[in-house]
């Protein structure tokens, strides 16, 4: 059965903590602790944990699919478009386009 979602080699469910740092950009604590997360046409207020130019980590009660398209709005800044990169223990890693 075909699906509209695909897994790329670097998009996997994270089941263990990182053993070494692979990030190319520093994550920063955001000025706001909440953001508006859009997934499947629904808007949700979420806790924003950290953010960088290429992604963010949020806490979200639902579990979207890895690779699913999303939107994120932080402090009235322009909406960021991207996808879910990983899901673990109520947290999501987002990657922006």
C-alpha atoms as a PDB file:
ATOM      1  CA  UNK A   1       0.000   0.000   0.000  1.00  0.00           C
ATOM      2  CA  UNK A   2       1.495   3.336  -1.036  1.00  0.00           C
ATOM      3  CA  UNK A   3       1.581   6.271   1.348  1.00  0.00           C
ATOM      4  CA  UNK A   4       2.184   9.957   0.833  1.00  0.00           C
ATOM      5  CA  UNK A   5       4.930   9.882   3.477  1.00  0.00           C
ATOM      6  CA  UNK A   6       8.404   8.569   2.868  1.00  0.00           C
ATOM      7  CA  UNK A   7      11.330   7.823   5.131  1.00  0.00           C
ATOM      8  CA  UNK A   8      14.654   9.180   4.057  1.00  0.00           C
ATOM      9  CA  UNK A   9      17.763   7.581   5.539  1.00  0.00           C
ATOM     10  CA  UNK A  10      18.341  10.400   8.012  1.00  0.00           C
ATOM     11  CA  UNK A  11      14.743  10.517   9.302  1.00  0.00           C
ATOM     12  CA  UNK A  12      14.368   7.744  11.860  1.00  0.00           C
ATOM     13  CA  UNK A  13      12.512   7.403  15.143  1.00  0.00           C
ATOM     14  CA  UNK A  14      14.981   8.335  17.873  1.00  0.00           C
ATOM     15  CA  UNK A  15      14.926   5.624  20.544  1.00  0.00           C
ATOM     16  CA  UNK A  16      18.209   6.440  22.287  1.00  0.00           C
ATOM     17  CA  UNK A  17      19.928   9.667  23.243  1.00  0.00           C
ATOM     18  CA  UNK A  18      22.689  11.061  21.060  1.00  0.00           C
ATOM     19  CA  UNK A  19      26.101   9.665  21.902  1.00  0.00           C
ATOM     20  CA  UNK A  20      27.846  12.524  20.094  1.00  0.00           C
ATOM     21  CA  UNK A  21      26.870  15.900  18.691  1.00  0.00           C
ATOM     22  CA  UNK A  22      26.094  15.922  14.948  1.00  0.00           C
ATOM     23  CA  UNK A  23      24.364  19.281  14.715  1.00  0.00           C
ATOM     24  CA  UNK A  24      25.854  21.853  12.368  1.00  0.00           C
ATOM     25  CA  UNK A  25      24.173  24.808  14.131  1.00  0.00           C
ATOM     26  CA  UNK A  26      23.770  25.708  17.787  1.00  0.00           C
ATOM     27  CA  UNK A  27      20.296  25.422  19.296  1.00  0.00           C
ATOM     28  CA  UNK A  28      19.210  28.473  21.259  1.00  0.00           C
ATOM     29  CA  UNK A  29      16.662  28.996  23.967  1.00  0.00           C
ATOM     30  CA  UNK A  30      13.810  30.922  22.331  1.00  0.00           C
ATOM     31  CA  UNK A  31      12.595  34.292  23.601  1.00  0.00           C
ATOM     32  CA  UNK A  32       9.085  32.803  23.821  1.00  0.00           C
ATOM     33  CA  UNK A  33       8.326  29.472  25.435  1.00  0.00           C
ATOM     34  CA  UNK A  34       5.281  28.765  23.264  1.00  0.00           C
ATOM     35  CA  UNK A  35       4.623  28.592  19.538  1.00  0.00           C
ATOM     36  CA  UNK A  36       1.751  27.723  17.223  1.00  0.00           C
ATOM     37  CA  UNK A  37       2.275  24.360  15.546  1.00  0.00           C
ATOM     38  CA  UNK A  38       0.198  23.463  12.491  1.00  0.00           C
ATOM     39  CA  UNK A  39      -0.228  19.825  11.556  1.00  0.00           C
ATOM     40  CA  UNK A  40      -2.938  18.204   9.394  1.00  0.00           C
ATOM     41  CA  UNK A  41      -4.771  21.520   9.050  1.00  0.00           C
ATOM     42  CA  UNK A  42      -5.105  21.961  12.827  1.00  0.00           C
ATOM     43  CA  UNK A  43      -3.350  24.668  14.864  1.00  0.00           C
ATOM     44  CA  UNK A  44      -2.003  23.810  18.328  1.00  0.00           C
ATOM     45  CA  UNK A  45      -0.288  25.864  21.007  1.00  0.00           C
ATOM     46  CA  UNK A  46       2.908  23.971  21.935  1.00  0.00           C
ATOM     47  CA  UNK A  47       5.874  24.355  24.261  1.00  0.00           C
ATOM     48  CA  UNK A  48       8.940  25.484  22.284  1.00  0.00           C
ATOM     49  CA  UNK A  49      12.107  23.909  23.733  1.00  0.00           C
ATOM     50  CA  UNK A  50      14.770  25.210  21.351  1.00  0.00           C
ATOM     51  CA  UNK A  51      15.179  26.591  17.871  1.00  0.00           C
ATOM     52  CA  UNK A  52      17.857  27.129  15.217  1.00  0.00           C
ATOM     53  CA  UNK A  53      17.808  28.458  11.660  1.00  0.00           C
ATOM     54  CA  UNK A  54      17.150  24.942  10.326  1.00  0.00           C
ATOM     55  CA  UNK A  55      14.885  23.399  12.961  1.00  0.00           C
ATOM     56  CA  UNK A  56      13.241  23.312  16.372  1.00  0.00           C
ATOM     57  CA  UNK A  57      12.259  20.988  19.200  1.00  0.00           C
ATOM     58  CA  UNK A  58       8.749  21.169  20.637  1.00  0.00           C
ATOM     59  CA  UNK A  59       6.617  19.266  23.114  1.00  0.00           C
ATOM     60  CA  UNK A  60       3.378  17.993  21.569  1.00  0.00           C
ATOM     61  CA  UNK A  61       0.823  15.534  22.954  1.00  0.00           C
ATOM     62  CA  UNK A  62       0.001  13.857  19.617  1.00  0.00           C
ATOM     63  CA  UNK A  63       2.367  11.779  17.481  1.00  0.00           C
ATOM     64  CA  UNK A  64       2.589  12.949  13.871  1.00  0.00           C
ATOM     65  CA  UNK A  65       4.318  10.853  11.238  1.00  0.00           C
ATOM     66  CA  UNK A  66       8.004  11.291  10.544  1.00  0.00           C
ATOM     67  CA  UNK A  67       8.239  13.255   7.309  1.00  0.00           C
ATOM     68  CA  UNK A  68       4.829  14.874   7.779  1.00  0.00           C
ATOM     69  CA  UNK A  69       4.604  18.507   6.565  1.00  0.00           C
ATOM     70  CA  UNK A  70       4.167  21.106   9.321  1.00  0.00           C
ATOM     71  CA  UNK A  71       4.125  24.826   9.998  1.00  0.00           C
ATOM     72  CA  UNK A  72       5.444  26.713  13.039  1.00  0.00           C
ATOM     73  CA  UNK A  73       4.825  30.306  14.119  1.00  0.00           C
ATOM     74  CA  UNK A  74       6.983  31.878  16.817  1.00  0.00           C
ATOM     75  CA  UNK A  75       6.401  35.357  18.293  1.00  0.00           C
ATOM     76  CA  UNK A  76       4.519  36.679  15.282  1.00  0.00           C
ATOM     77  CA  UNK A  77       7.462  35.980  12.961  1.00  0.00           C
ATOM     78  CA  UNK A  78       6.704  34.663   9.478  1.00  0.00           C
ATOM     79  CA  UNK A  79       5.432  31.111   9.459  1.00  0.00           C
ATOM     80  CA  UNK A  80       8.168  28.481   9.119  1.00  0.00           C
ATOM     81  CA  UNK A  81       7.436  25.514   6.858  1.00  0.00           C
ATOM     82  CA  UNK A  82       9.050  22.126   7.305  1.00  0.00           C
ATOM     83  CA  UNK A  83       8.578  18.511   8.316  1.00  0.00           C
ATOM     84  CA  UNK A  84       8.753  16.231  11.345  1.00  0.00           C
ATOM     85  CA  UNK A  85      12.269  14.782  11.541  1.00  0.00           C
ATOM     86  CA  UNK A  86      11.967  12.669  14.717  1.00  0.00           C
ATOM     87  CA  UNK A  87       9.521  11.804  17.532  1.00  0.00           C
ATOM     88  CA  UNK A  88      10.442  10.707  21.048  1.00  0.00           C
ATOM     89  CA  UNK A  89       8.721  10.822  24.469  1.00  0.00           C
ATOM     90  CA  UNK A  90       6.269  13.609  23.633  1.00  0.00           C
ATOM     91  CA  UNK A  91       8.882  15.701  21.854  1.00  0.00           C
ATOM     92  CA  UNK A  92       9.243  16.406  18.149  1.00  0.00           C
ATOM     93  CA  UNK A  93      12.266  17.439  16.135  1.00  0.00           C
ATOM     94  CA  UNK A  94      11.279  19.727  13.270  1.00  0.00           C
ATOM     95  CA  UNK A  95      13.330  20.533  10.186  1.00  0.00           C
ATOM     96  CA  UNK A  96      12.602  23.744   8.267  1.00  0.00           C
ATOM     97  CA  UNK A  97      12.787  24.086   4.492  1.00  0.00           C
END
